[in-house]
């Protein structure tokens, strides 16, 4: 998905909480998601790596991100 396709998707999507794993573009994506009205948050890549039980793959990382966002004290108070 290109940047423009992602921005169009954000604008057209129903408002939701979107969790981004911290990476080089995650702050930009979070900012754009917030501008589109979504509740956007960041989660540490190190935390994802620690919690992941299987090899690194998009499917496994997605599952870990979902699991870790429901743990207490994972997101900072400013991110809640």
Protein backbone atom coordinates (compact mmCIF):
# COMPACT_ATOMS: atom_id res chain seq x y z
CA UNK A 1 0.00 0.00 0.00
CA UNK A 2 1.44 3.36 -0.95
CA UNK A 3 1.33 6.42 1.31
CA UNK A 4 -1.49 7.94 -0.73
CA UNK A 5 -3.48 4.69 -0.65
CA UNK A 6 -2.98 4.52 3.11
CA UNK A 7 -4.15 8.11 3.58
CA UNK A 8 -7.24 7.45 1.44
CA UNK A 9 -7.95 4.31 3.45
CA UNK A 10 -7.67 6.26 6.72
CA UNK A 11 -10.07 8.94 5.51
CA UNK A 12 -12.64 6.44 4.18
CA UNK A 13 -12.45 4.06 7.15
CA UNK A 14 -14.89 4.01 10.01
CA UNK A 15 -13.31 5.66 13.08
CA UNK A 16 -11.31 3.16 15.11
CA UNK A 17 -8.38 2.70 17.44
CA UNK A 18 -5.28 2.04 15.34
CA UNK A 19 -2.10 0.69 16.93
CA UNK A 20 1.23 1.19 15.17
CA UNK A 21 4.42 -0.64 16.08
CA UNK A 22 7.14 1.99 16.48
CA UNK A 23 9.27 2.26 13.36
CA UNK A 24 10.70 4.94 11.09
CA UNK A 25 7.32 6.07 9.77
CA UNK A 26 5.03 5.28 12.70
CA UNK A 27 4.91 8.83 14.07
CA UNK A 28 3.88 10.15 10.64
CA UNK A 29 1.23 7.43 10.30
CA UNK A 30 -0.06 8.10 13.80
CA UNK A 31 -0.31 11.83 13.07
CA UNK A 32 -2.21 11.21 9.83
CA UNK A 33 -4.57 8.76 11.55
CA UNK A 34 -5.32 11.33 14.26
CA UNK A 35 -5.94 13.99 11.62
CA UNK A 36 -8.45 11.59 10.01
CA UNK A 37 -10.25 11.33 13.38
CA UNK A 38 -8.95 7.94 14.54
CA UNK A 39 -7.60 7.10 17.99
CA UNK A 40 -4.00 6.27 17.04
CA UNK A 41 -1.40 4.83 19.42
CA UNK A 42 2.17 3.54 19.31
CA UNK A 43 3.56 0.37 20.83
CA UNK A 44 7.23 -0.40 21.39
CA UNK A 45 8.92 -2.67 18.86
CA UNK A 46 10.98 -4.11 21.73
CA UNK A 47 7.82 -5.13 23.57
CA UNK A 48 6.48 -6.80 20.44
CA UNK A 49 9.76 -8.73 20.07
CA UNK A 50 9.68 -9.88 23.71
CA UNK A 51 6.07 -11.07 23.59
CA UNK A 52 6.26 -12.74 20.16
CA UNK A 53 6.30 -16.54 20.57
CA UNK A 54 6.86 -17.53 16.95
CA UNK A 55 9.18 -16.31 14.23
CA UNK A 56 8.89 -12.73 13.02
CA UNK A 57 6.15 -12.41 10.43
CA UNK A 58 3.45 -9.82 9.81
CA UNK A 59 0.74 -12.22 11.00
CA UNK A 60 2.62 -13.02 14.24
CA UNK A 61 3.48 -9.37 14.89
CA UNK A 62 -0.15 -8.35 14.36
CA UNK A 63 -1.31 -10.90 16.91
CA UNK A 64 1.31 -9.73 19.44
CA UNK A 65 0.36 -6.07 18.96
CA UNK A 66 -3.28 -6.89 19.63
CA UNK A 67 -2.40 -8.99 22.68
CA UNK A 68 -0.04 -6.44 24.22
CA UNK A 69 -2.41 -3.49 23.84
CA UNK A 70 -4.81 -5.08 26.32
CA UNK A 71 -2.11 -5.61 28.97
CA UNK A 72 -2.16 -3.12 31.85
CA UNK A 73 0.52 -0.40 31.72
CA UNK A 74 1.64 -1.19 28.16
CA UNK A 75 0.61 2.15 26.71
CA UNK A 76 1.72 5.26 28.52
CA UNK A 77 -1.07 7.35 30.13
CA UNK A 78 -0.68 9.89 27.32
CA UNK A 79 -1.32 7.12 24.79
CA UNK A 80 -4.56 5.88 26.43
